[in-house]
Amino acid sequence: MEKLSRSEQKRLDIHKAALAEFKEKSFAGASMDAIAERAAVSKRTVYNHFESKEALFQAVTESFWQLSKDVTNVEYDPATDIVVQLENITEAMWQLYSQADFIEKARVLLAEYIRQPQLIEQMIHQVSEKEKGLSRFLAQAHQAGVLQIDDLRMAETQFWGLCKAFAFWPVVFQMHDYSEQRAQIIRTNVQMFVCQYRGCAEK
């Protein structure tokens, strides 16, 4: 891993401090002074990297969705079975959902969305923009004649719904752990999805 510059490390420290502050005190209760203290930097340094608390919260939000975007940024491969490709995508996303840092950000952001319902619209817009990797993949599979999808947005939502029902929401809310059934869940979820959009008779 490439070593971070001093400025990059400070920015990362501020980012982590902000996440901890938002988690403990909420966005409304957090302050740039407290974030600077947590990050062990001056308040001026915080403002050099982020012009406001709102900009800092936005950075936390963007880093969260960027991780999802990176995982789904996959091109459809006509030489590989669609089932295998979708299983690989789901496996990669499940691994992301298993990362403590990702889940920590998810909990902080969800709590803030509940406190500030007006942020929901902004969040939905960010999701639609950041998760376009799967939408593009499905569109390419449709164009190749492998999947028959009339509504890409619905199909994408259904796919992530199947994945998040077992891999994301139970982790966020510390409910049932499905990790031991991971392979089976991924396999059957993908089979259901492909059966719907390719046709069971062709499978």
Protein backbone atom coordinates (compact mmCIF):
# COMPACT_ATOMS: atom_id res chain seq x y z
CA MET A 1 0.00 0.00 0.00
CA GLU A 2 1.31 3.44 -0.97
CA LYS A 3 2.31 5.56 1.99
CA LEU A 4 0.10 8.58 2.59
CA SER A 5 1.54 12.06 2.57
CA ARG A 6 1.38 14.07 5.78
CA SER A 7 -1.55 16.08 4.44
CA GLU A 8 -3.40 12.96 3.31
CA GLN A 9 -2.89 11.34 6.70
CA LYS A 10 -4.25 14.39 8.49
CA ARG A 11 -7.29 14.39 6.22
CA LEU A 12 -7.87 10.73 7.00
CA ASP A 13 -7.48 11.38 10.74
CA ILE A 14 -10.03 14.21 10.52
CA HIS A 15 -12.38 11.97 8.56
CA LYS A 16 -12.17 9.24 11.23
CA ALA A 17 -12.58 11.76 14.04
CA ALA A 18 -15.66 13.20 12.37
CA LEU A 19 -17.21 9.75 12.03
CA ALA A 20 -16.66 9.10 15.75
CA GLU A 21 -18.06 12.52 16.64
CA PHE A 22 -21.15 12.08 14.47
CA LYS A 23 -21.71 8.63 15.98
CA GLU A 24 -21.48 9.87 19.56
CA LYS A 25 -23.17 13.26 19.31
CA SER A 26 -25.07 13.23 15.98
CA PHE A 27 -24.47 15.77 13.25
CA ALA A 28 -26.28 18.52 15.16
CA GLY A 29 -24.31 17.93 18.36
CA ALA A 30 -20.90 17.56 16.72
CA SER A 31 -18.55 20.51 16.49
CA MET A 32 -15.47 21.29 14.45
CA ASP A 33 -13.61 22.04 17.70
CA ALA A 34 -14.35 18.57 19.05
CA ILE A 35 -13.45 16.95 15.74
CA ALA A 36 -10.13 18.80 15.70
CA GLU A 37 -9.43 17.64 19.25
CA ARG A 38 -10.23 14.01 18.38
CA ALA A 39 -7.99 14.18 15.32
CA ALA A 40 -5.19 15.83 17.32
CA VAL A 41 -4.95 18.71 14.84
CA SER A 42 -5.72 22.39 15.01
CA LYS A 43 -9.14 23.74 14.10
CA ARG A 44 -7.47 25.66 11.28
CA THR A 45 -6.15 22.40 9.86
CA VAL A 46 -9.67 20.95 9.88
CA TYR A 47 -10.97 23.96 7.95
CA ASN A 48 -8.08 23.74 5.52
CA HIS A 49 -9.38 20.31 4.51
CA PHE A 50 -13.13 20.83 4.99
CA GLU A 51 -14.78 24.24 4.73
CA SER A 52 -17.65 23.34 7.06
CA LYS A 53 -19.20 20.62 9.17
CA GLU A 54 -21.65 20.02 6.33
CA ALA A 55 -18.77 19.46 3.90
CA LEU A 56 -17.19 17.02 6.34
CA PHE A 57 -20.43 15.06 6.70
CA GLN A 58 -20.76 15.03 2.92
CA ALA A 59 -17.25 13.60 2.66
CA VAL A 60 -18.17 10.79 5.04
CA THR A 61 -21.29 10.09 2.98
CA GLU A 62 -19.41 10.10 -0.31
CA SER A 63 -16.72 7.76 0.99
CA PHE A 64 -19.46 5.32 1.98
CA TRP A 65 -21.11 5.26 -1.44
CA GLN A 66 -17.77 5.23 -3.24
CA LEU A 67 -16.99 1.86 -1.67
CA SER A 68 -20.24 0.46 -3.08
CA LYS A 69 -19.52 1.95 -6.48
CA ASP A 70 -16.04 0.41 -6.59
CA VAL A 71 -17.42 -3.07 -5.91
CA THR A 72 -20.09 -2.83 -8.63
CA ASN A 73 -17.87 -1.22 -11.25
CA VAL A 74 -17.77 -4.38 -13.37
CA GLU A 75 -18.18 -4.84 -17.10
CA TYR A 76 -20.32 -7.69 -18.45
CA ASP A 77 -18.17 -10.48 -19.91
CA PRO A 78 -19.93 -12.40 -22.72
CA ALA A 79 -17.40 -15.24 -22.36
CA THR A 80 -18.41 -15.98 -18.75
CA ASP A 81 -21.69 -17.45 -17.51
CA ILE A 82 -23.99 -14.71 -16.22
CA VAL A 83 -24.62 -16.76 -13.06
CA VAL A 84 -20.92 -16.86 -12.26
CA GLN A 85 -20.55 -13.13 -12.86
CA LEU A 86 -23.50 -12.22 -10.63
CA GLU A 87 -22.26 -14.57 -7.92
CA ASN A 88 -18.86 -12.84 -8.04
CA ILE A 89 -20.49 -9.42 -7.74
CA THR A 90 -22.59 -10.59 -4.80
CA GLU A 91 -19.58 -12.16 -3.11
CA ALA A 92 -17.61 -8.92 -3.45
CA MET A 93 -20.50 -6.91 -2.01
CA TRP A 94 -20.91 -9.37 0.89
CA GLN A 95 -17.22 -8.95 1.68
CA LEU A 96 -17.73 -5.19 1.75
CA TYR A 97 -20.68 -5.58 4.11
CA SER A 98 -18.40 -7.63 6.37
CA GLN A 99 -16.00 -4.72 6.88
CA ALA A 100 -16.42 -3.05 10.26
CA ASP A 101 -15.54 0.42 8.91
CA PHE A 102 -18.23 0.22 6.21
CA ILE A 103 -20.91 -0.92 8.66
CA GLU A 104 -19.88 1.77 11.15
CA LYS A 105 -20.40 4.43 8.49
CA ALA A 106 -23.73 2.86 7.54
CA ARG A 107 -24.99 3.08 11.12
CA VAL A 108 -23.93 6.70 11.49
CA LEU A 109 -25.53 7.72 8.20
CA LEU A 110 -28.76 5.82 8.83
CA ALA A 111 -29.12 7.41 12.26
CA GLU A 112 -28.64 10.83 10.70
CA TYR A 113 -31.18 10.12 7.96
CA ILE A 114 -33.70 9.25 10.68
CA ARG A 115 -32.92 12.47 12.57
CA GLN A 116 -32.97 14.55 9.38
CA PRO A 117 -35.56 13.10 6.95
CA GLN A 118 -34.70 15.81 4.42
CA LEU A 119 -31.41 14.00 3.84
CA ILE A 120 -33.25 10.97 2.46
CA GLU A 121 -33.81 12.59 -0.93
CA GLN A 122 -30.12 13.47 -1.16
CA MET A 123 -29.20 9.92 -0.15
CA ILE A 124 -31.46 8.39 -2.80
CA HIS A 125 -29.87 10.61 -5.44
CA GLN A 126 -26.41 9.54 -4.30
CA VAL A 127 -27.35 5.87 -4.41
CA SER A 128 -28.69 6.19 -7.94
CA GLU A 129 -25.49 7.91 -9.02
CA LYS A 130 -22.98 5.79 -7.10
CA GLU A 131 -24.45 2.34 -7.73
CA LYS A 132 -24.65 2.64 -11.50
CA GLY A 133 -22.08 -0.10 -11.90
CA LEU A 134 -24.68 -2.87 -11.57
CA SER A 135 -27.20 -0.97 -13.68
CA ARG A 136 -24.64 -0.75 -16.47
CA PHE A 137 -23.75 -4.42 -16.07
CA LEU A 138 -27.39 -5.48 -16.30
CA ALA A 139 -27.93 -3.23 -19.31
CA GLN A 140 -24.98 -4.85 -21.07
CA ALA A 141 -26.31 -8.34 -20.26
CA HIS A 142 -29.70 -7.27 -21.61
CA GLN A 143 -28.17 -5.91 -24.81
CA ALA A 144 -26.29 -9.19 -25.24
CA GLY A 145 -29.61 -11.04 -25.05
CA VAL A 146 -28.60 -12.97 -21.92
CA LEU A 147 -31.16 -11.26 -19.66
CA GLN A 148 -34.54 -9.85 -20.66
CA ILE A 149 -35.02 -6.75 -18.49
CA ASP A 150 -37.70 -4.17 -19.21
CA ASP A 151 -37.09 -2.06 -16.11
CA LEU A 152 -33.40 -1.82 -15.17
CA ARG A 153 -34.02 0.20 -12.02
CA MET A 154 -36.48 -2.37 -10.70
CA ALA A 155 -34.17 -5.27 -11.53
CA GLU A 156 -31.23 -3.54 -9.83
CA THR A 157 -33.31 -2.82 -6.73
CA GLN A 158 -34.48 -6.43 -6.60
CA PHE A 159 -30.94 -7.74 -6.89
CA TRP A 160 -29.59 -5.57 -4.08
CA GLY A 161 -32.67 -6.32 -2.01
CA LEU A 162 -31.89 -10.02 -2.15
CA CYS A 163 -28.29 -9.36 -1.18
CA LYS A 164 -28.89 -6.82 1.59
CA ALA A 165 -31.65 -8.85 3.25
CA PHE A 166 -29.03 -11.36 4.39
CA ALA A 167 -25.68 -9.60 4.20
CA PHE A 168 -26.31 -5.95 5.16
CA TRP A 169 -29.36 -5.28 7.32
CA PRO A 170 -28.77 -8.15 9.78
CA VAL A 171 -25.22 -6.85 10.31
CA VAL A 172 -26.25 -3.20 10.67
CA PHE A 173 -28.87 -4.07 13.28
CA GLN A 174 -26.78 -6.87 14.85
CA MET A 175 -29.40 -9.51 14.17
CA HIS A 176 -28.91 -13.01 12.78
CA ASP A 177 -25.50 -13.91 11.36
CA TYR A 178 -25.88 -15.59 7.96
CA SER A 179 -22.16 -15.91 7.26
CA GLU A 180 -22.18 -19.71 7.57
CA GLN A 181 -24.89 -19.90 4.91
CA ARG A 182 -23.18 -17.34 2.72
CA ALA A 183 -22.38 -19.58 -0.26
CA GLN A 184 -25.87 -21.10 -0.33
CA ILE A 185 -27.58 -17.72 -0.04
CA ILE A 186 -25.50 -16.19 -2.82
CA ARG A 187 -26.12 -19.17 -5.08
CA THR A 188 -29.89 -19.33 -4.55
CA ASN A 189 -30.37 -15.55 -4.71
CA VAL A 190 -28.58 -15.37 -8.05
CA GLN A 191 -30.53 -18.38 -9.32
CA MET A 192 -33.83 -16.69 -8.45
CA PHE A 193 -32.77 -13.47 -10.12
CA VAL A 194 -31.54 -15.16 -13.29
CA CYS A 195 -34.61 -17.40 -13.39
CA GLN A 196 -36.78 -14.28 -13.39
CA TYR A 197 -34.89 -12.44 -16.10
CA ARG A 198 -33.62 -15.26 -18.26
CA GLY A 199 -36.43 -17.75 -17.84
CA CYS A 200 -36.29 -20.99 -15.89
CA ALA A 201 -36.90 -23.05 -19.02
CA GLU A 202 -33.67 -21.77 -20.53
CA LYS A 203 -31.61 -22.30 -17.37
